[in-house]
C-alpha atoms as a PDB file:
ATOM      1  CA  MET A   1     204.203  76.779  46.481  1.00  0.00           C
ATOM      2  CA  SER A   2     203.437  73.361  45.065  1.00  0.00           C
ATOM      3  CA  ALA A   3     200.631  71.151  46.348  1.00  0.00           C
ATOM      4  CA  ARG A   4     203.167  68.487  47.306  1.00  0.00           C
ATOM      5  CA  ASP A   5     204.802  70.974  49.731  1.00  0.00           C
ATOM      6  CA  PHE A   6     201.660  71.371  51.870  1.00  0.00           C
ATOM      7  CA  ALA A   7     201.453  70.270  55.506  1.00  0.00           C
ATOM      8  CA  GLN A   8     199.967  66.880  56.365  1.00  0.00           C
ATOM      9  CA  PRO A   9     197.416  66.228  59.119  1.00  0.00           C
ATOM     10  CA  PRO A  10     198.050  63.519  61.749  1.00  0.00           C
ATOM     11  CA  ALA A  11     197.627  60.059  60.250  1.00  0.00           C
ATOM     12  CA  HIS A  12     198.254  56.499  61.399  1.00  0.00           C
ATOM     13  CA  ASP A  13     201.934  57.202  62.224  1.00  0.00           C
ATOM     14  CA  ARG A  14     202.032  59.685  65.132  1.00  0.00           C
ATOM     15  CA  SER A  15     205.791  59.469  65.753  1.00  0.00           C
ATOM     16  CA  PHE A  16     207.958  62.552  66.075  1.00  0.00           C
ATOM     17  CA  HIS A  17     209.608  61.581  62.794  1.00  0.00           C
ATOM     18  CA  ALA A  18     206.196  61.586  61.093  1.00  0.00           C
ATOM     19  CA  PHE A  19     205.448  64.999  62.584  1.00  0.00           C
ATOM     20  CA  LEU A  20     208.654  66.437  61.112  1.00  0.00           C
ATOM     21  CA  ARG A  21     207.832  64.982  57.706  1.00  0.00           C
ATOM     22  CA  ALA A  22     204.323  66.457  57.930  1.00  0.00           C
ATOM     23  CA  LEU A  23     205.579  70.058  58.209  1.00  0.00           C
ATOM     24  CA  PRO A  24     205.060  72.132  55.064  1.00  0.00           C
ATOM     25  CA  ASP A  25     208.197  72.458  52.944  1.00  0.00           C
ATOM     26  CA  VAL A  26     208.233  76.250  53.061  1.00  0.00           C
ATOM     27  CA  LEU A  27     209.957  79.208  54.762  1.00  0.00           C
ATOM     28  CA  VAL A  28     211.176  78.500  58.322  1.00  0.00           C
ATOM     29  CA  ALA A  29     209.962  74.878  58.327  1.00  0.00           C
ATOM     30  CA  ARG A  30     212.364  74.356  55.423  1.00  0.00           C
ATOM     31  CA  ASP A  31     215.086  76.309  57.247  1.00  0.00           C
ATOM     32  CA  PHE A  32     214.517  74.236  60.384  1.00  0.00           C
ATOM     33  CA  ARG A  33     215.042  71.032  58.408  1.00  0.00           C
ATOM     34  CA  ALA A  34     218.171  72.493  56.798  1.00  0.00           C
ATOM     35  CA  VAL A  35     219.629  73.371  60.215  1.00  0.00           C
ATOM     36  CA  VAL A  36     218.850  69.877  61.538  1.00  0.00           C
ATOM     37  CA  GLY A  37     220.556  68.393  58.463  1.00  0.00           C
ATOM     38  CA  ALA A  38     223.596  70.640  58.934  1.00  0.00           C
ATOM     39  CA  ILE A  39     224.030  69.630  62.593  1.00  0.00           C
ATOM     40  CA  ALA A  40     223.620  65.928  61.764  1.00  0.00           C
ATOM     41  CA  ALA A  41     226.103  66.221  58.885  1.00  0.00           C
ATOM     42  CA  ALA A  42     228.610  68.035  61.140  1.00  0.00           C
ATOM     43  CA  ALA A  43     228.272  65.239  63.710  1.00  0.00           C
ATOM     44  CA  ARG A  44     228.815  62.546  61.087  1.00  0.00           C
ATOM     45  CA  ARG A  45     231.826  64.336  59.607  1.00  0.00           C
ATOM     46  CA  LYS A  46     233.294  65.236  63.017  1.00  0.00           C
ATOM     47  CA  ARG A  47     233.066  68.974  62.393  1.00  0.00           C
ATOM     48  CA  GLY A  48     232.646  71.567  65.119  1.00  0.00           C
ATOM     49  CA  VAL A  49     229.204  72.228  66.610  1.00  0.00           C
ATOM     50  CA  VAL A  50     229.511  75.263  68.875  1.00  0.00           C
ATOM     51  CA  VAL A  51     226.499  76.182  71.031  1.00  0.00           C
ATOM     52  CA  MET A  52     226.305  79.689  72.504  1.00  0.00           C
ATOM     53  CA  LEU A  53     223.761  80.321  75.254  1.00  0.00           C
ATOM     54  CA  GLY A  54     221.932  83.158  76.950  1.00  0.00           C
ATOM     55  CA  GLY A  55     220.647  82.786  80.502  1.00  0.00           C
ATOM     56  CA  HIS A  56     216.993  82.300  79.551  1.00  0.00           C
ATOM     57  CA  VAL A  57     217.809  78.992  77.832  1.00  0.00           C
ATOM     58  CA  VAL A  58     219.143  77.559  81.101  1.00  0.00           C
ATOM     59  CA  LYS A  59     216.443  79.191  83.235  1.00  0.00           C
ATOM     60  CA  THR A  60     213.658  77.620  81.160  1.00  0.00           C
ATOM     61  CA  GLY A  61     214.912  74.103  81.925  1.00  0.00           C
ATOM     62  CA  LEU A  62     216.584  73.147  78.648  1.00  0.00           C
ATOM     63  CA  ALA A  63     219.875  71.804  80.012  1.00  0.00           C
ATOM     64  CA  PRO A  64     218.801  68.118  79.774  1.00  0.00           C
ATOM     65  CA  VAL A  65     218.292  68.226  75.995  1.00  0.00           C
ATOM     66  CA  LEU A  66     221.578  70.082  75.453  1.00  0.00           C
ATOM     67  CA  ILE A  67     223.375  67.607  77.738  1.00  0.00           C
ATOM     68  CA  GLU A  68     222.079  64.803  75.494  1.00  0.00           C
ATOM     69  CA  LEU A  69     223.841  66.421  72.498  1.00  0.00           C
ATOM     70  CA  MET A  70     227.001  66.636  74.614  1.00  0.00           C
ATOM     71  CA  ARG A  71     226.668  62.995  75.707  1.00  0.00           C
ATOM     72  CA  ARG A  72     226.402  61.926  72.064  1.00  0.00           C
ATOM     73  CA  GLY A  73     229.554  63.875  71.164  1.00  0.00           C
ATOM     74  CA  ILE A  74     227.634  66.178  68.803  1.00  0.00           C
ATOM     75  CA  VAL A  75     228.417  69.444  70.608  1.00  0.00           C
ATOM     76  CA  THR A  76     232.124  70.300  70.563  1.00  0.00           C
ATOM     77  CA  HIS A  77     232.017  73.529  72.618  1.00  0.00           C
ATOM     78  CA  ILE A  78     229.492  75.268  74.893  1.00  0.00           C
ATOM     79  CA  ALA A  79     229.910  79.029  75.326  1.00  0.00           C
ATOM     80  CA  MET A  80     227.649  80.989  77.661  1.00  0.00           C
ATOM     81  CA  ASN A  81     227.179  84.435  79.100  1.00  0.00           C
ATOM     82  CA  GLY A  82     227.483  85.023  82.831  1.00  0.00           C
ATOM     83  CA  SER A  83     223.786  84.727  83.604  1.00  0.00           C
ATOM     84  CA  ALA A  84     223.605  81.264  82.009  1.00  0.00           C
ATOM     85  CA  ALA A  85     226.479  80.146  84.239  1.00  0.00           C
ATOM     86  CA  ILE A  86     224.772  81.564  87.345  1.00  0.00           C
ATOM     87  CA  HIS A  87     221.479  79.787  86.605  1.00  0.00           C
ATOM     88  CA  ASP A  88     223.336  76.541  85.836  1.00  0.00           C
ATOM     89  CA  TYR A  89     225.362  76.770  89.052  1.00  0.00           C
ATOM     90  CA  GLU A  90     222.302  77.477  91.201  1.00  0.00           C
ATOM     91  CA  VAL A  91     220.266  74.616  89.743  1.00  0.00           C
ATOM     92  CA  ALA A  92     223.126  72.162  90.288  1.00  0.00           C
ATOM     93  CA  ARG A  93     223.929  73.435  93.768  1.00  0.00           C
ATOM     94  CA  PHE A  94     220.524  74.333  95.231  1.00  0.00           C
ATOM     95  CA  GLY A  95     217.944  72.806  92.866  1.00  0.00           C
ATOM     96  CA  ALA A  96     216.305  76.102  91.887  1.00  0.00           C
ATOM     97  CA  THR A  97     217.133  79.467  90.325  1.00  0.00           C
ATOM     98  CA  SER A  98     215.625  82.834  89.305  1.00  0.00           C
ATOM     99  CA  GLU A  99     213.889  85.454  91.421  1.00  0.00           C
ATOM    100  CA  ASP A 100     211.387  88.314  91.213  1.00  0.00           C
ATOM    101  CA  VAL A 101     213.670  91.064  89.890  1.00  0.00           C
ATOM    102  CA  ALA A 102     211.133  93.887  90.278  1.00  0.00           C
ATOM    103  CA  ALA A 103     210.401  93.082  93.922  1.00  0.00           C
ATOM    104  CA  GLY A 104     214.080  92.617  94.785  1.00  0.00           C
ATOM    105  CA  LEU A 105     215.077  95.803  92.995  1.00  0.00           C
ATOM    106  CA  ARG A 106     212.648  97.840  95.079  1.00  0.00           C
ATOM    107  CA  ASP A 107     214.349  97.067  98.396  1.00  0.00           C
ATOM    108  CA  GLY A 108     217.856  96.316  97.100  1.00  0.00           C
ATOM    109  CA  THR A 109     217.785  92.548  97.745  1.00  0.00           C
ATOM    110  CA  PHE A 110     217.853  91.455  94.072  1.00  0.00           C
ATOM    111  CA  GLY A 111     220.824  89.204  93.433  1.00  0.00           C
ATOM    112  CA  MET A 112     222.084  89.519  96.989  1.00  0.00           C
ATOM    113  CA  ALA A 113     221.981  85.816  97.903  1.00  0.00           C
ATOM    114  CA  ASP A 114     225.217  85.189  99.777  1.00  0.00           C
ATOM    115  CA  GLU A 115     225.973  81.606  98.736  1.00  0.00           C
ATOM    116  CA  THR A 116     225.846  82.057  94.956  1.00  0.00           C
ATOM    117  CA  GLY A 117     228.045  85.151  94.926  1.00  0.00           C
ATOM    118  CA  ARG A 118     230.516  83.890  97.482  1.00  0.00           C
ATOM    119  CA  GLU A 119     230.986  80.397  96.039  1.00  0.00           C
ATOM    120  CA  MET A 120     231.216  81.453  92.382  1.00  0.00           C
ATOM    121  CA  ASN A 121     233.675  84.264  93.112  1.00  0.00           C
ATOM    122  CA  GLU A 122     235.813  81.932  95.237  1.00  0.00           C
ATOM    123  CA  ALA A 123     235.852  79.542  92.267  1.00  0.00           C
ATOM    124  CA  PHE A 124     237.168  82.324  89.998  1.00  0.00           C
ATOM    125  CA  VAL A 125     239.957  83.206  92.450  1.00  0.00           C
ATOM    126  CA  ALA A 126     240.976  79.527  92.586  1.00  0.00           C
ATOM    127  CA  GLY A 127     240.775  79.371  88.774  1.00  0.00           C
ATOM    128  CA  MET A 128     243.053  82.385  88.390  1.00  0.00           C
ATOM    129  CA  ARG A 129     245.513  80.799  90.819  1.00  0.00           C
ATOM    130  CA  ASP A 130     245.485  77.504  88.905  1.00  0.00           C
ATOM    131  CA  GLY A 131     245.469  79.025  85.416  1.00  0.00           C
ATOM    132  CA  VAL A 132     242.095  77.640  84.279  1.00  0.00           C
ATOM    133  CA  GLY A 133     239.124  79.288  82.594  1.00  0.00           C
ATOM    134  CA  MET A 134     235.889  80.437  84.209  1.00  0.00           C
ATOM    135  CA  GLY A 135     233.800  77.505  82.965  1.00  0.00           C
ATOM    136  CA  GLU A 136     236.336  74.979  84.189  1.00  0.00           C
ATOM    137  CA  SER A 137     236.663  76.829  87.521  1.00  0.00           C
ATOM    138  CA  LEU A 138     232.919  76.502  88.125  1.00  0.00           C
ATOM    139  CA  GLY A 139     232.857  72.845  87.064  1.00  0.00           C
ATOM    140  CA  ARG A 140     235.672  72.074  89.467  1.00  0.00           C
ATOM    141  CA  ALA A 141     233.964  73.975  92.300  1.00  0.00           C
ATOM    142  CA  LEU A 142     230.688  72.088  91.804  1.00  0.00           C
ATOM    143  CA  ASP A 143     232.547  68.785  91.580  1.00  0.00           C
ATOM    144  CA  ALA A 144     234.216  69.499  94.918  1.00  0.00           C
ATOM    145  CA  GLN A 145     230.918  70.198  96.735  1.00  0.00           C
ATOM    146  CA  PRO A 146     230.000  67.357  99.088  1.00  0.00           C
ATOM    147  CA  SER A 147     226.304  67.655  98.270  1.00  0.00           C
ATOM    148  CA  LEU A 148     224.600  68.969  95.134  1.00  0.00           C
ATOM    149  CA  ALA A 149     220.849  69.233  94.601  1.00  0.00           C
ATOM    150  CA  ASN A 150     220.808  68.395  90.867  1.00  0.00           C
ATOM    151  CA  PRO A 151     224.250  67.648  89.406  1.00  0.00           C
ATOM    152  CA  GLU A 152     222.632  65.787  86.485  1.00  0.00           C
ATOM    153  CA  LEU A 153     221.032  69.043  85.226  1.00  0.00           C
ATOM    154  CA  SER A 154     224.269  71.038  85.030  1.00  0.00           C
ATOM    155  CA  LEU A 155     225.951  71.945  81.751  1.00  0.00           C
ATOM    156  CA  LEU A 156     229.036  72.964  83.751  1.00  0.00           C
ATOM    157  CA  LEU A 157     229.322  69.461  85.203  1.00  0.00           C
ATOM    158  CA  ALA A 158     228.360  67.715  81.957  1.00  0.00           C
ATOM    159  CA  ALA A 159     231.180  69.514  80.133  1.00  0.00           C
ATOM    160  CA  ARG A 160     233.598  68.293  82.793  1.00  0.00           C
ATOM    161  CA  ARG A 161     232.189  64.760  82.613  1.00  0.00           C
ATOM    162  CA  PHE A 162     232.351  64.505  78.817  1.00  0.00           C
ATOM    163  CA  GLY A 163     235.590  66.448  78.340  1.00  0.00           C
ATOM    164  CA  ILE A 164     233.955  69.202  76.271  1.00  0.00           C
ATOM    165  CA  PRO A 165     235.254  72.770  76.576  1.00  0.00           C
ATOM    166  CA  LEU A 166     232.748  75.106  78.223  1.00  0.00           C
ATOM    167  CA  SER A 167     233.552  78.796  78.280  1.00  0.00           C
ATOM    168  CA  VAL A 168     231.875  81.582  80.268  1.00  0.00           C
ATOM    169  CA  HIS A 169     232.010  85.134  78.924  1.00  0.00           C
ATOM    170  CA  ALA A 170     231.521  87.623  81.735  1.00  0.00           C
ATOM    171  CA  ALA A 171     230.477  91.269  81.393  1.00  0.00           C
ATOM    172  CA  LEU A 172     231.743  93.164  84.429  1.00  0.00           C
ATOM    173  CA  GLY A 173     228.874  94.697  86.361  1.00  0.00           C
ATOM    174  CA  ALA A 174     226.197  92.907  84.338  1.00  0.00           C
ATOM    175  CA  GLU A 175     225.849  89.895  86.648  1.00  0.00           C
ATOM    176  CA  ILE A 176     224.474  89.579  90.177  1.00  0.00           C
ATOM    177  CA  ILE A 177     227.636  87.935  91.484  1.00  0.00           C
ATOM    178  CA  HIS A 178     229.567  91.152  90.754  1.00  0.00           C
ATOM    179  CA  GLN A 179     227.508  92.820  93.506  1.00  0.00           C
ATOM    180  CA  HIS A 180     228.982  90.442  96.085  1.00  0.00           C
ATOM    181  CA  PRO A 181     231.782  91.583  98.448  1.00  0.00           C
ATOM    182  CA  ALA A 182     233.812  88.534  97.365  1.00  0.00           C
ATOM    183  CA  ALA A 183     233.864  89.682  93.708  1.00  0.00           C
ATOM    184  CA  ASN A 184     237.418  89.996  92.432  1.00  0.00           C
ATOM    185  CA  GLY A 185     237.648  91.871  89.132  1.00  0.00           C
ATOM    186  CA  ALA A 186     241.097  90.492  88.397  1.00  0.00           C
ATOM    187  CA  ALA A 187     239.913  86.887  88.851  1.00  0.00           C
ATOM    188  CA  ILE A 188     236.754  87.458  86.789  1.00  0.00           C
ATOM    189  CA  GLY A 189     238.779  89.048  84.009  1.00  0.00           C
ATOM    190  CA  ASP A 190     241.574  86.483  84.053  1.00  0.00           C
ATOM    191  CA  THR A 191     239.363  83.376  83.958  1.00  0.00           C
ATOM    192  CA  SER A 192     236.850  84.777  81.469  1.00  0.00           C
ATOM    193  CA  HIS A 193     239.578  86.074  79.140  1.00  0.00           C
ATOM    194  CA  ARG A 194     241.171  82.619  79.215  1.00  0.00           C
ATOM    195  CA  ASP A 195     237.789  81.252  78.113  1.00  0.00           C
ATOM    196  CA  PHE A 196     237.643  83.806  75.295  1.00  0.00           C
ATOM    197  CA  ARG A 197     240.880  82.350  73.948  1.00  0.00           C
ATOM    198  CA  ARG A 198     239.508  78.811  74.339  1.00  0.00           C
ATOM    199  CA  LEU A 199     236.457  79.767  72.267  1.00  0.00           C
ATOM    200  CA  ALA A 200     238.641  81.264  69.530  1.00  0.00           C
ATOM    201  CA  HIS A 201     240.510  77.960  69.351  1.00  0.00           C
ATOM    202  CA  SER A 202     237.293  75.894  69.260  1.00  0.00           C
ATOM    203  CA  LEU A 203     235.956  77.922  66.325  1.00  0.00           C
ATOM    204  CA  THR A 204     238.691  76.520  64.069  1.00  0.00           C
ATOM    205  CA  ALA A 205     236.720  73.223  64.028  1.00  0.00           C
ATOM    206  CA  LEU A 206     233.826  74.966  62.238  1.00  0.00           C
ATOM    207  CA  ASP A 207     235.752  74.989  58.964  1.00  0.00           C
ATOM    208  CA  ASP A 208     234.110  73.169  56.056  1.00  0.00           C
ATOM    209  CA  GLY A 209     230.784  72.011  57.461  1.00  0.00           C
ATOM    210  CA  GLY A 210     230.605  73.000  61.115  1.00  0.00           C
ATOM    211  CA  VAL A 211     227.633  74.681  62.808  1.00  0.00           C
ATOM    212  CA  VAL A 212     227.469  77.533  65.317  1.00  0.00           C
ATOM    213  CA  LEU A 213     224.192  78.041  67.183  1.00  0.00           C
ATOM    214  CA  ASN A 214     223.323  81.173  69.147  1.00  0.00           C
ATOM    215  CA  LEU A 215     220.471  80.317  71.499  1.00  0.00           C
ATOM    216  CA  GLY A 216     218.986  83.333  73.188  1.00  0.00           C
ATOM    217  CA  SER A 217     221.917  85.712  73.626  1.00  0.00           C
ATOM    218  CA  ALA A 218     221.033  89.125  72.193  1.00  0.00           C
ATOM    219  CA  VAL A 219     224.297  90.975  72.890  1.00  0.00           C
ATOM    220  CA  ILE A 220     227.142  89.255  74.750  1.00  0.00           C
ATOM    221  CA  MET A 221     227.639  86.064  72.742  1.00  0.00           C
ATOM    222  CA  PRO A 222     227.208  87.675  69.282  1.00  0.00           C
ATOM    223  CA  GLU A 223     229.834  90.288  70.192  1.00  0.00           C
ATOM    224  CA  VAL A 224     232.230  87.733  71.701  1.00  0.00           C
ATOM    225  CA  PHE A 225     231.717  85.372  68.747  1.00  0.00           C
ATOM    226  CA  LEU A 226     232.639  88.051  66.200  1.00  0.00           C
ATOM    227  CA  LYS A 227     235.949  88.802  67.925  1.00  0.00           C
ATOM    228  CA  ALA A 228     236.793  85.127  68.539  1.00  0.00           C
ATOM    229  CA  LEU A 229     236.053  84.372  64.874  1.00  0.00           C
ATOM    230  CA  THR A 230     238.370  87.218  63.856  1.00  0.00           C
ATOM    231  CA  ILE A 231     241.198  85.689  65.898  1.00  0.00           C
ATOM    232  CA  ALA A 232     240.585  82.217  64.438  1.00  0.00           C
ATOM    233  CA  ARG A 233     240.631  83.585  60.877  1.00  0.00           C
ATOM    234  CA  ASN A 234     243.611  85.858  61.557  1.00  0.00           C
ATOM    235  CA  LEU A 235     245.697  82.886  62.708  1.00  0.00           C
ATOM    236  CA  GLY A 236     244.094  80.379  60.333  1.00  0.00           C
ATOM    237  CA  ASP A 237     244.734  82.016  56.964  1.00  0.00           C
ATOM    238  CA  GLY A 238     241.080  83.072  56.614  1.00  0.00           C
ATOM    239  CA  LYS A 239     239.593  79.886  58.035  1.00  0.00           C
ATOM    240  CA  PRO A 240     237.130  78.748  59.385  1.00  0.00           C
ATOM    241  CA  GLU A 241     234.845  79.278  56.412  1.00  0.00           C
ATOM    242  CA  ASN A 242     231.943  77.453  54.768  1.00  0.00           C
ATOM    243  CA  PHE A 243     230.006  76.738  57.999  1.00  0.00           C
ATOM    244  CA  THR A 244     226.366  77.139  59.040  1.00  0.00           C
ATOM    245  CA  SER A 245     225.383  79.811  61.559  1.00  0.00           C
ATOM    246  CA  VAL A 246     222.013  79.875  63.319  1.00  0.00           C
ATOM    247  CA  ASP A 247     220.388  82.428  65.586  1.00  0.00           C
ATOM    248  CA  LEU A 248     217.417  81.040  67.491  1.00  0.00           C
ATOM    249  CA  ASP A 249     215.591  83.482  69.731  1.00  0.00           C
ATOM    250  CA  MET A 250     212.068  84.499  70.706  1.00  0.00           C
ATOM    251  CA  GLN A 251     212.497  87.859  68.964  1.00  0.00           C
ATOM    252  CA  ARG A 252     214.842  89.331  66.378  1.00  0.00           C
ATOM    253  CA  HIS A 253     217.800  91.465  67.436  1.00  0.00           C
ATOM    254  CA  TYR A 254     220.317  93.507  65.440  1.00  0.00           C
ATOM    255  CA  ARG A 255     223.553  91.998  66.804  1.00  0.00           C
ATOM    256  CA  PRO A 256     222.726  88.311  66.372  1.00  0.00           C
ATOM    257  CA  ARG A 257     221.497  89.009  62.839  1.00  0.00           C
ATOM    258  CA  MET A 258     224.666  90.886  61.876  1.00  0.00           C
ATOM    259  CA  ASN A 259     227.315  89.137  64.000  1.00  0.00           C
ATOM    260  CA  VAL A 260     226.098  85.535  63.856  1.00  0.00           C
ATOM    261  CA  VAL A 261     223.864  85.106  60.796  1.00  0.00           C
ATOM    262  CA  GLN A 262     225.031  87.588  58.138  1.00  0.00           C
ATOM    263  CA  ARG A 263     228.638  88.796  58.445  1.00  0.00           C
ATOM    264  CA  PRO A 264     230.378  85.458  59.216  1.00  0.00           C
ATOM    265  CA  THR A 265     228.721  83.709  56.241  1.00  0.00           C
ATOM    266  CA  LEU A 266     228.879  86.586  53.729  1.00  0.00           C
ATOM    267  CA  HIS A 267     231.440  84.893  51.473  1.00  0.00           C
ATOM    268  CA  SER A 268     230.824  81.214  52.270  1.00  0.00           C
ATOM    269  CA  GLY A 269     228.451  79.065  54.270  1.00  0.00           C
ATOM    270  CA  LYS A 270     224.857  79.877  55.203  1.00  0.00           C
ATOM    271  CA  GLY A 271     223.135  81.767  58.007  1.00  0.00           C
ATOM    272  CA  TYR A 272     219.647  81.141  59.402  1.00  0.00           C
ATOM    273  CA  GLU A 273     217.319  83.052  61.716  1.00  0.00           C
ATOM    274  CA  ILE A 274     214.648  80.987  63.457  1.00  0.00           C
ATOM    275  CA  THR A 275     212.224  82.878  65.680  1.00  0.00           C
ATOM    276  CA  GLY A 276     210.428  81.056  68.487  1.00  0.00           C
ATOM    277  CA  HIS A 277     210.267  80.413  72.192  1.00  0.00           C
ATOM    278  CA  HIS A 278     213.271  78.492  73.474  1.00  0.00           C
ATOM    279  CA  GLU A 279     211.214  76.143  75.596  1.00  0.00           C
ATOM    280  CA  ILE A 280     209.523  74.826  72.422  1.00  0.00           C
ATOM    281  CA  MET A 281     212.148  75.314  69.713  1.00  0.00           C
ATOM    282  CA  VAL A 282     215.267  73.961  71.472  1.00  0.00           C
ATOM    283  CA  PRO A 283     213.710  70.590  72.422  1.00  0.00           C
ATOM    284  CA  MET A 284     212.275  70.315  68.902  1.00  0.00           C
ATOM    285  CA  LEU A 285     215.688  70.997  67.403  1.00  0.00           C
ATOM    286  CA  VAL A 286     217.469  68.462  69.614  1.00  0.00           C
ATOM    287  CA  TRP A 287     214.800  65.787  69.073  1.00  0.00           C
ATOM    288  CA  ALA A 288     214.985  66.374  65.323  1.00  0.00           C
ATOM    289  CA  VAL A 289     218.794  66.077  65.266  1.00  0.00           C
ATOM    290  CA  VAL A 290     218.695  62.833  67.249  1.00  0.00           C
ATOM    291  CA  ASP A 291     215.902  61.557  64.963  1.00  0.00           C
ATOM    292  CA  GLU A 292     218.015  62.380  61.905  1.00  0.00           C
ATOM    293  CA  LEU A 293     221.128  60.656  63.291  1.00  0.00           C
ATOM    294  CA  ASP A 294     219.204  57.587  64.442  1.00  0.00           C
ATOM    295  CA  GLY A 295     217.370  57.428  61.099  1.00  0.00           C
ATOM    296  CA  THR A 296     217.748  53.692  60.647  1.00  0.00           C
ATOM    297  CA  ASN A 297     215.161  53.085  63.384  1.00  0.00           C
ATOM    298  CA  HIS A 298     212.266  54.895  61.683  1.00  0.00           C
ATOM    299  CA  SER A 299     209.052  53.020  61.072  1.00  0.00           C
ATOM    300  CA  HIS A 300     207.245  54.074  57.884  1.00  0.00           C
END
């Protein structure tokens, strides 16, 4: 640790750019900068930037910063587990999401809201009929609603608006909408499996400088990613390779470490683990990427 690597206190320049430069050049602060640089480089070189999401990331109000990366054409694919899609749908449709699980579990009302389950399952049936994936089915269903509470906060709608693939990876029985009488296992399986194939295709764009981010999914997305990556490499003569993988979560888990950070980058590329609360780390990451890409505007 050299003296020149130490942190700097606030000085005359209080900009976000100055804050980033004031971080000590050590451990995860260094990793954070490396990840920011990798995402910015991927954007400049038109490489894939795949963002995988757990439900907590949507529930803690982070859609607007992720939508900004989509608007700028930085993100090339959004993949999410079922709970992320449910939270996103409810915020867009009704303006609020989440409930007291413990209280609802006690009397059997948890997850039993009629509208969410009925509308989302109807969207999957229509998607199966029309041969589209689960993410696209939900985007279409929201788009067709005459009134939405907060369409501007929806990743599902943003993906539709910006023409970015968004895939939803369902786990049968793991999501509240599977409790609903309208749930159709065939439609859930058909649309979500179609999205699995879409993700496998999107991963090919990671080759030679792309970035894959796993934000807050401990099990579903790491498992899905590993299989989708296998398909991409099986059909792509061992590619994609030489990309950056990042797991960002509030605590460390076995599957993201093995399936996102370590195994995919064993022979090429680099994997990073950054531990922190999503509601702080994800905005910081997005702000830092935008700061890096808009670097010409910095005041020194």
